[in-house]
Amino acid sequence: MATRARQAQRRNQVLSREQIIDTAIELLDTGSERALTVRAMTERLATGAGAIYYHVGTRDELLDAATETVITAALATKPAGASATPEDEIRVVALALFDAIAEHQWLATRLTLQIVRNPVGPVTVGIFERIGRQVGALGVPQAAWFDATSTLVHYILGAVSQNARIDGDTSDVEVDREEFLGAASMAWQELDPDDYPFMHAIVGQIREHDDREQFLTGIAIVLDGISKLR
């Protein structure tokens, strides 16, 4: 028993929380949440389950820690140059979140869960603080800070999550973006143009649009509305 205890202690000293979280992110990126198992983690790290529980706790806590790690890195992104405006700051952090979720397909669901389940957690607070400071810097009256920031955050998270579900793995079905948009545009093309003139007018745009540019257009529209609160 004493020998086992010493071995476990040595493993805990060598293995770090950061190593465990980085390994979890690698597994999530390659195989989604289904790939994140205790067995896979212990094999990758050449350690026992006890060491993982010791450093990060349960599987749900590990998922939360992986989410926090990726989101914290995205929120730390800054505009180039010293003359960035609040609008620049908002666009940069919004695109950083967009790109993080595009890179880590599992992140959209976990991010939504954290915001809903843990409104005082570091992920929720970090996003609102990073965006909210810039809303204040835009000159928005303090009485409108919450509404304006919530609108921006809801747009950002909703848009990036929707994009992730089109581009990535949705439950058991792999969705190809071009096939999805092509099928949608064909279906819209077959609609009666007298009943759906708008849909016919934009049918070509759905196939050709750039997701990031469309995302930034949405940010610009929201910021334009927020500017009217000053």
C-alpha atoms as a PDB file:
ATOM      1  CA  MET A   1       0.000   0.000   0.000  1.00  0.00           C
ATOM      2  CA  ALA A   2       2.821   2.387   0.890  1.00  0.00           C
ATOM      3  CA  THR A   3       4.530   1.698  -2.439  1.00  0.00           C
ATOM      4  CA  ARG A   4       1.318   2.425  -4.386  1.00  0.00           C
ATOM      5  CA  ALA A   5       0.821   5.640  -2.468  1.00  0.00           C
ATOM      6  CA  ARG A   6       4.354   6.788  -3.298  1.00  0.00           C
ATOM      7  CA  GLN A   7       3.851   5.921  -6.975  1.00  0.00           C
ATOM      8  CA  ALA A   8       0.578   7.859  -7.095  1.00  0.00           C
ATOM      9  CA  GLN A   9       2.241  10.807  -5.385  1.00  0.00           C
ATOM     10  CA  ARG A  10       5.068  10.826  -7.946  1.00  0.00           C
ATOM     11  CA  ARG A  11       2.555  10.706 -10.806  1.00  0.00           C
ATOM     12  CA  ASN A  12       0.639  13.628  -9.332  1.00  0.00           C
ATOM     13  CA  GLN A  13       3.851  15.627  -9.011  1.00  0.00           C
ATOM     14  CA  VAL A  14       4.872  14.996 -12.639  1.00  0.00           C
ATOM     15  CA  LEU A  15       1.443  15.334 -14.235  1.00  0.00           C
ATOM     16  CA  SER A  16       0.055  18.871 -14.308  1.00  0.00           C
ATOM     17  CA  ARG A  17      -3.470  20.198 -14.605  1.00  0.00           C
ATOM     18  CA  GLU A  18      -2.439  21.979 -17.810  1.00  0.00           C
ATOM     19  CA  GLN A  19      -1.223  18.718 -19.374  1.00  0.00           C
ATOM     20  CA  ILE A  20      -4.509  17.032 -18.591  1.00  0.00           C
ATOM     21  CA  ILE A  21      -6.573  19.883 -20.037  1.00  0.00           C
ATOM     22  CA  ASP A  22      -4.404  20.096 -23.183  1.00  0.00           C
ATOM     23  CA  THR A  23      -4.797  16.354 -23.714  1.00  0.00           C
ATOM     24  CA  ALA A  24      -8.553  16.616 -23.224  1.00  0.00           C
ATOM     25  CA  ILE A  25      -8.730  19.382 -25.850  1.00  0.00           C
ATOM     26  CA  GLU A  26      -6.757  17.213 -28.295  1.00  0.00           C
ATOM     27  CA  LEU A  27      -9.176  14.317 -27.795  1.00  0.00           C
ATOM     28  CA  LEU A  28     -12.193  16.592 -28.147  1.00  0.00           C
ATOM     29  CA  ASP A  29     -10.805  18.118 -31.341  1.00  0.00           C
ATOM     30  CA  THR A  30     -10.145  14.748 -32.968  1.00  0.00           C
ATOM     31  CA  GLY A  31     -13.255  12.885 -31.888  1.00  0.00           C
ATOM     32  CA  SER A  32     -15.780  15.259 -30.235  1.00  0.00           C
ATOM     33  CA  GLU A  33     -17.136  14.592 -26.744  1.00  0.00           C
ATOM     34  CA  ARG A  34     -17.510  10.889 -27.456  1.00  0.00           C
ATOM     35  CA  ALA A  35     -13.720  10.589 -27.593  1.00  0.00           C
ATOM     36  CA  LEU A  36     -13.187  12.077 -24.140  1.00  0.00           C
ATOM     37  CA  THR A  37     -13.182   9.014 -21.904  1.00  0.00           C
ATOM     38  CA  VAL A  38     -11.200   8.180 -18.794  1.00  0.00           C
ATOM     39  CA  ARG A  39      -9.609   5.275 -20.645  1.00  0.00           C
ATOM     40  CA  ALA A  40      -8.473   7.477 -23.526  1.00  0.00           C
ATOM     41  CA  MET A  41      -7.073  10.050 -21.100  1.00  0.00           C
ATOM     42  CA  THR A  42      -5.149   7.497 -19.032  1.00  0.00           C
ATOM     43  CA  GLU A  43      -3.691   5.909 -22.161  1.00  0.00           C
ATOM     44  CA  ARG A  44      -2.578   9.259 -23.594  1.00  0.00           C
ATOM     45  CA  LEU A  45      -1.069  10.427 -20.326  1.00  0.00           C
ATOM     46  CA  ALA A  46       0.263   7.050 -19.150  1.00  0.00           C
ATOM     47  CA  THR A  47      -1.296   7.567 -15.759  1.00  0.00           C
ATOM     48  CA  GLY A  48      -4.152   6.303 -13.636  1.00  0.00           C
ATOM     49  CA  ALA A  49      -7.669   7.644 -13.381  1.00  0.00           C
ATOM     50  CA  GLY A  50      -6.967   8.823  -9.855  1.00  0.00           C
ATOM     51  CA  ALA A  51      -4.397  11.351 -11.036  1.00  0.00           C
ATOM     52  CA  ILE A  52      -6.885  12.864 -13.468  1.00  0.00           C
ATOM     53  CA  TYR A  53      -9.610  13.126 -10.827  1.00  0.00           C
ATOM     54  CA  TYR A  54      -7.070  14.585  -8.416  1.00  0.00           C
ATOM     55  CA  HIS A  55      -6.180  17.456 -10.739  1.00  0.00           C
ATOM     56  CA  VAL A  56      -9.467  18.267 -12.482  1.00  0.00           C
ATOM     57  CA  GLY A  57     -12.285  16.294 -10.876  1.00  0.00           C
ATOM     58  CA  THR A  58     -15.075  14.681 -12.864  1.00  0.00           C
ATOM     59  CA  ARG A  59     -15.457  14.424 -16.638  1.00  0.00           C
ATOM     60  CA  ASP A  60     -17.922  17.350 -16.624  1.00  0.00           C
ATOM     61  CA  GLU A  61     -15.423  19.435 -14.686  1.00  0.00           C
ATOM     62  CA  LEU A  62     -12.755  18.509 -17.232  1.00  0.00           C
ATOM     63  CA  LEU A  63     -15.054  19.620 -20.064  1.00  0.00           C
ATOM     64  CA  ASP A  64     -15.671  22.906 -18.264  1.00  0.00           C
ATOM     65  CA  ALA A  65     -11.926  23.389 -17.760  1.00  0.00           C
ATOM     66  CA  ALA A  66     -11.231  22.709 -21.452  1.00  0.00           C
ATOM     67  CA  THR A  67     -13.916  25.215 -22.421  1.00  0.00           C
ATOM     68  CA  GLU A  68     -12.525  27.835 -20.061  1.00  0.00           C
ATOM     69  CA  THR A  69      -8.993  27.338 -21.405  1.00  0.00           C
ATOM     70  CA  VAL A  70      -9.983  27.877 -25.044  1.00  0.00           C
ATOM     71  CA  ILE A  71     -12.330  30.797 -24.344  1.00  0.00           C
ATOM     72  CA  THR A  72      -9.823  32.549 -22.070  1.00  0.00           C
ATOM     73  CA  ALA A  73      -7.215  32.408 -24.840  1.00  0.00           C
ATOM     74  CA  ALA A  74      -9.711  33.828 -27.354  1.00  0.00           C
ATOM     75  CA  LEU A  75     -10.719  36.656 -25.020  1.00  0.00           C
ATOM     76  CA  ALA A  76      -7.071  37.632 -24.602  1.00  0.00           C
ATOM     77  CA  THR A  77      -6.797  38.502 -28.315  1.00  0.00           C
ATOM     78  CA  LYS A  78      -6.034  42.176 -28.895  1.00  0.00           C
ATOM     79  CA  PRO A  79      -6.133  44.387 -32.007  1.00  0.00           C
ATOM     80  CA  ALA A  80      -2.837  45.221 -33.665  1.00  0.00           C
ATOM     81  CA  GLY A  81      -1.596  48.733 -33.034  1.00  0.00           C
ATOM     82  CA  ALA A  82      -2.131  51.187 -30.213  1.00  0.00           C
ATOM     83  CA  SER A  83      -4.966  53.197 -31.763  1.00  0.00           C
ATOM     84  CA  ALA A  84      -7.705  50.567 -31.662  1.00  0.00           C
ATOM     85  CA  THR A  85     -11.233  51.874 -31.169  1.00  0.00           C
ATOM     86  CA  PRO A  86     -13.877  50.151 -29.018  1.00  0.00           C
ATOM     87  CA  GLU A  87     -15.455  48.921 -32.270  1.00  0.00           C
ATOM     88  CA  ASP A  88     -12.093  47.397 -33.265  1.00  0.00           C
ATOM     89  CA  GLU A  89     -11.848  45.681 -29.886  1.00  0.00           C
ATOM     90  CA  ILE A  90     -15.332  44.211 -30.226  1.00  0.00           C
ATOM     91  CA  ARG A  91     -14.694  42.960 -33.761  1.00  0.00           C
ATOM     92  CA  VAL A  92     -11.386  41.372 -32.756  1.00  0.00           C
ATOM     93  CA  VAL A  93     -12.764  39.503 -29.776  1.00  0.00           C
ATOM     94  CA  ALA A  94     -15.880  38.490 -31.700  1.00  0.00           C
ATOM     95  CA  LEU A  95     -13.763  37.030 -34.508  1.00  0.00           C
ATOM     96  CA  ALA A  96     -11.513  35.323 -31.953  1.00  0.00           C
ATOM     97  CA  LEU A  97     -14.577  33.568 -30.512  1.00  0.00           C
ATOM     98  CA  PHE A  98     -15.812  32.779 -34.036  1.00  0.00           C
ATOM     99  CA  ASP A  99     -12.465  31.227 -34.985  1.00  0.00           C
ATOM    100  CA  ALA A 100     -12.137  29.334 -31.689  1.00  0.00           C
ATOM    101  CA  ILE A 101     -15.495  27.638 -32.184  1.00  0.00           C
ATOM    102  CA  ALA A 102     -14.711  26.955 -35.856  1.00  0.00           C
ATOM    103  CA  GLU A 103     -11.469  25.272 -34.769  1.00  0.00           C
ATOM    104  CA  HIS A 104     -12.978  23.383 -31.821  1.00  0.00           C
ATOM    105  CA  GLN A 105     -16.310  22.004 -33.043  1.00  0.00           C
ATOM    106  CA  TRP A 106     -17.262  20.648 -29.607  1.00  0.00           C
ATOM    107  CA  LEU A 107     -16.976  24.119 -28.070  1.00  0.00           C
ATOM    108  CA  ALA A 108     -20.313  25.574 -29.217  1.00  0.00           C
ATOM    109  CA  THR A 109     -22.400  23.206 -27.111  1.00  0.00           C
ATOM    110  CA  ARG A 110     -20.138  23.391 -24.061  1.00  0.00           C
ATOM    111  CA  LEU A 111     -20.046  27.194 -24.208  1.00  0.00           C
ATOM    112  CA  THR A 112     -23.839  27.407 -24.281  1.00  0.00           C
ATOM    113  CA  LEU A 113     -24.104  24.986 -21.361  1.00  0.00           C
ATOM    114  CA  GLN A 114     -21.620  26.950 -19.264  1.00  0.00           C
ATOM    115  CA  ILE A 115     -23.396  30.248 -19.838  1.00  0.00           C
ATOM    116  CA  VAL A 116     -26.787  28.735 -18.969  1.00  0.00           C
ATOM    117  CA  ARG A 117     -25.650  26.631 -16.015  1.00  0.00           C
ATOM    118  CA  ASN A 118     -23.007  28.876 -14.512  1.00  0.00           C
ATOM    119  CA  PRO A 119     -23.710  32.587 -15.054  1.00  0.00           C
ATOM    120  CA  VAL A 120     -21.108  33.514 -12.426  1.00  0.00           C
ATOM    121  CA  GLY A 121     -18.433  31.232 -13.878  1.00  0.00           C
ATOM    122  CA  PRO A 122     -15.232  32.513 -15.522  1.00  0.00           C
ATOM    123  CA  VAL A 123     -16.454  31.856 -19.065  1.00  0.00           C
ATOM    124  CA  THR A 124     -19.694  33.846 -18.760  1.00  0.00           C
ATOM    125  CA  VAL A 125     -18.143  36.620 -16.711  1.00  0.00           C
ATOM    126  CA  GLY A 126     -15.106  36.801 -18.990  1.00  0.00           C
ATOM    127  CA  ILE A 127     -17.151  37.222 -22.165  1.00  0.00           C
ATOM    128  CA  PHE A 128     -19.498  39.826 -20.694  1.00  0.00           C
ATOM    129  CA  GLU A 129     -16.631  41.768 -19.110  1.00  0.00           C
ATOM    130  CA  ARG A 130     -14.555  41.837 -22.303  1.00  0.00           C
ATOM    131  CA  ILE A 131     -17.475  42.982 -24.468  1.00  0.00           C
ATOM    132  CA  GLY A 132     -19.120  45.148 -21.817  1.00  0.00           C
ATOM    133  CA  ARG A 133     -16.061  47.316 -21.235  1.00  0.00           C
ATOM    134  CA  GLN A 134     -16.030  48.253 -24.898  1.00  0.00           C
ATOM    135  CA  VAL A 135     -19.752  49.017 -24.871  1.00  0.00           C
ATOM    136  CA  GLY A 136     -19.066  51.436 -22.050  1.00  0.00           C
ATOM    137  CA  ALA A 137     -16.147  52.918 -23.993  1.00  0.00           C
ATOM    138  CA  LEU A 138     -18.500  53.568 -26.919  1.00  0.00           C
ATOM    139  CA  GLY A 139     -20.294  56.131 -24.768  1.00  0.00           C
ATOM    140  CA  VAL A 140     -23.436  54.096 -24.183  1.00  0.00           C
ATOM    141  CA  PRO A 141     -25.281  55.324 -21.064  1.00  0.00           C
ATOM    142  CA  GLN A 142     -24.708  53.018 -18.110  1.00  0.00           C
ATOM    143  CA  ALA A 143     -28.426  52.338 -17.821  1.00  0.00           C
ATOM    144  CA  ALA A 144     -28.240  50.645 -21.248  1.00  0.00           C
ATOM    145  CA  TRP A 145     -24.997  48.693 -20.705  1.00  0.00           C
ATOM    146  CA  PHE A 146     -26.648  45.403 -19.857  1.00  0.00           C
ATOM    147  CA  ASP A 147     -29.120  45.446 -22.736  1.00  0.00           C
ATOM    148  CA  ALA A 148     -26.522  46.543 -25.282  1.00  0.00           C
ATOM    149  CA  THR A 149     -23.895  44.045 -24.105  1.00  0.00           C
ATOM    150  CA  SER A 150     -26.396  41.198 -23.904  1.00  0.00           C
ATOM    151  CA  THR A 151     -27.543  41.905 -27.454  1.00  0.00           C
ATOM    152  CA  LEU A 152     -23.962  41.786 -28.730  1.00  0.00           C
ATOM    153  CA  VAL A 153     -23.079  38.650 -26.761  1.00  0.00           C
ATOM    154  CA  HIS A 154     -26.256  36.849 -27.822  1.00  0.00           C
ATOM    155  CA  TYR A 155     -25.614  37.701 -31.461  1.00  0.00           C
ATOM    156  CA  ILE A 156     -21.970  36.601 -31.291  1.00  0.00           C
ATOM    157  CA  LEU A 157     -22.657  33.301 -29.541  1.00  0.00           C
ATOM    158  CA  GLY A 158     -25.748  32.532 -31.589  1.00  0.00           C
ATOM    159  CA  ALA A 159     -24.003  33.200 -34.896  1.00  0.00           C
ATOM    160  CA  VAL A 160     -20.846  31.248 -34.092  1.00  0.00           C
ATOM    161  CA  SER A 161     -22.814  28.317 -32.695  1.00  0.00           C
ATOM    162  CA  GLN A 162     -25.030  28.153 -35.770  1.00  0.00           C
ATOM    163  CA  ASN A 163     -21.994  28.263 -38.021  1.00  0.00           C
ATOM    164  CA  ALA A 164     -20.349  25.470 -36.043  1.00  0.00           C
ATOM    165  CA  ARG A 165     -23.415  23.277 -36.423  1.00  0.00           C
ATOM    166  CA  ILE A 166     -23.389  23.774 -40.197  1.00  0.00           C
ATOM    167  CA  ASP A 167     -19.652  23.214 -40.584  1.00  0.00           C
ATOM    168  CA  GLY A 168     -19.140  20.499 -38.011  1.00  0.00           C
ATOM    169  CA  ASP A 169     -20.401  17.367 -36.408  1.00  0.00           C
ATOM    170  CA  THR A 170     -24.053  17.540 -35.330  1.00  0.00           C
ATOM    171  CA  SER A 171     -24.841  14.528 -33.150  1.00  0.00           C
ATOM    172  CA  ASP A 172     -24.273  11.500 -35.400  1.00  0.00           C
ATOM    173  CA  VAL A 173     -24.531  13.269 -38.740  1.00  0.00           C
ATOM    174  CA  GLU A 174     -21.531  14.815 -40.474  1.00  0.00           C
ATOM    175  CA  VAL A 175     -22.675  17.939 -42.303  1.00  0.00           C
ATOM    176  CA  ASP A 176     -20.751  19.207 -45.325  1.00  0.00           C
ATOM    177  CA  ARG A 177     -21.149  22.979 -45.577  1.00  0.00           C
ATOM    178  CA  GLU A 178     -21.194  23.170 -49.371  1.00  0.00           C
ATOM    179  CA  GLU A 179     -23.698  20.338 -49.653  1.00  0.00           C
ATOM    180  CA  PHE A 180     -25.899  21.894 -46.993  1.00  0.00           C
ATOM    181  CA  LEU A 181     -25.916  25.331 -48.617  1.00  0.00           C
ATOM    182  CA  GLY A 182     -26.284  23.860 -52.089  1.00  0.00           C
ATOM    183  CA  ALA A 183     -29.296  21.811 -51.047  1.00  0.00           C
ATOM    184  CA  ALA A 184     -30.856  24.817 -49.327  1.00  0.00           C
ATOM    185  CA  SER A 185     -30.367  27.079 -52.349  1.00  0.00           C
ATOM    186  CA  MET A 186     -31.847  24.476 -54.691  1.00  0.00           C
ATOM    187  CA  ALA A 187     -34.871  24.089 -52.434  1.00  0.00           C
ATOM    188  CA  TRP A 188     -35.350  27.856 -52.298  1.00  0.00           C
ATOM    189  CA  GLN A 189     -35.017  28.075 -56.077  1.00  0.00           C
ATOM    190  CA  GLU A 190     -37.963  25.706 -56.438  1.00  0.00           C
ATOM    191  CA  LEU A 191     -40.247  27.919 -54.361  1.00  0.00           C
ATOM    192  CA  ASP A 192     -42.962  29.841 -56.185  1.00  0.00           C
ATOM    193  CA  PRO A 193     -41.367  33.260 -56.981  1.00  0.00           C
ATOM    194  CA  ASP A 194     -44.724  34.984 -56.674  1.00  0.00           C
ATOM    195  CA  ASP A 195     -45.140  33.722 -53.115  1.00  0.00           C
ATOM    196  CA  TYR A 196     -41.474  34.012 -52.114  1.00  0.00           C
ATOM    197  CA  PRO A 197     -39.880  36.886 -54.068  1.00  0.00           C
ATOM    198  CA  PHE A 198     -37.317  37.613 -51.344  1.00  0.00           C
ATOM    199  CA  MET A 199     -36.111  34.010 -51.187  1.00  0.00           C
ATOM    200  CA  HIS A 200     -35.636  33.959 -54.948  1.00  0.00           C
ATOM    201  CA  ALA A 201     -33.731  37.236 -54.843  1.00  0.00           C
ATOM    202  CA  ILE A 202     -31.131  35.905 -52.357  1.00  0.00           C
ATOM    203  CA  VAL A 203     -30.858  32.318 -53.562  1.00  0.00           C
ATOM    204  CA  GLY A 204     -27.474  32.940 -55.175  1.00  0.00           C
ATOM    205  CA  GLN A 205     -26.075  34.684 -52.118  1.00  0.00           C
ATOM    206  CA  ILE A 206     -26.491  31.686 -49.849  1.00  0.00           C
ATOM    207  CA  ARG A 207     -24.107  29.630 -51.988  1.00  0.00           C
ATOM    208  CA  GLU A 208     -21.482  32.359 -52.319  1.00  0.00           C
ATOM    209  CA  HIS A 209     -21.419  34.106 -48.954  1.00  0.00           C
ATOM    210  CA  ASP A 210     -18.377  34.128 -46.670  1.00  0.00           C
ATOM    211  CA  ASP A 211     -19.263  33.164 -43.092  1.00  0.00           C
ATOM    212  CA  ARG A 212     -16.753  35.462 -41.431  1.00  0.00           C
ATOM    213  CA  GLU A 213     -17.738  38.441 -43.575  1.00  0.00           C
ATOM    214  CA  GLN A 214     -21.410  37.779 -42.875  1.00  0.00           C
ATOM    215  CA  PHE A 215     -20.593  37.555 -39.171  1.00  0.00           C
ATOM    216  CA  LEU A 216     -18.812  40.924 -39.259  1.00  0.00           C
ATOM    217  CA  THR A 217     -21.763  42.447 -41.102  1.00  0.00           C
ATOM    218  CA  GLY A 218     -23.982  41.362 -38.227  1.00  0.00           C
ATOM    219  CA  ILE A 219     -21.572  42.924 -35.727  1.00  0.00           C
ATOM    220  CA  ALA A 220     -21.678  46.185 -37.707  1.00  0.00           C
ATOM    221  CA  ILE A 221     -25.478  46.191 -37.693  1.00  0.00           C
ATOM    222  CA  VAL A 222     -25.627  45.640 -33.927  1.00  0.00           C
ATOM    223  CA  LEU A 223     -22.970  48.296 -33.285  1.00  0.00           C
ATOM    224  CA  ASP A 224     -24.874  50.752 -35.464  1.00  0.00           C
ATOM    225  CA  GLY A 225     -27.962  50.172 -33.341  1.00  0.00           C
ATOM    226  CA  ILE A 226     -25.971  50.533 -30.135  1.00  0.00           C
ATOM    227  CA  SER A 227     -24.514  53.836 -31.344  1.00  0.00           C
ATOM    228  CA  LYS A 228     -28.030  55.283 -31.311  1.00  0.00           C
ATOM    229  CA  LEU A 229     -28.209  54.717 -27.542  1.00  0.00           C
ATOM    230  CA  ARG A 230     -25.525  57.328 -26.872  1.00  0.00           C
END
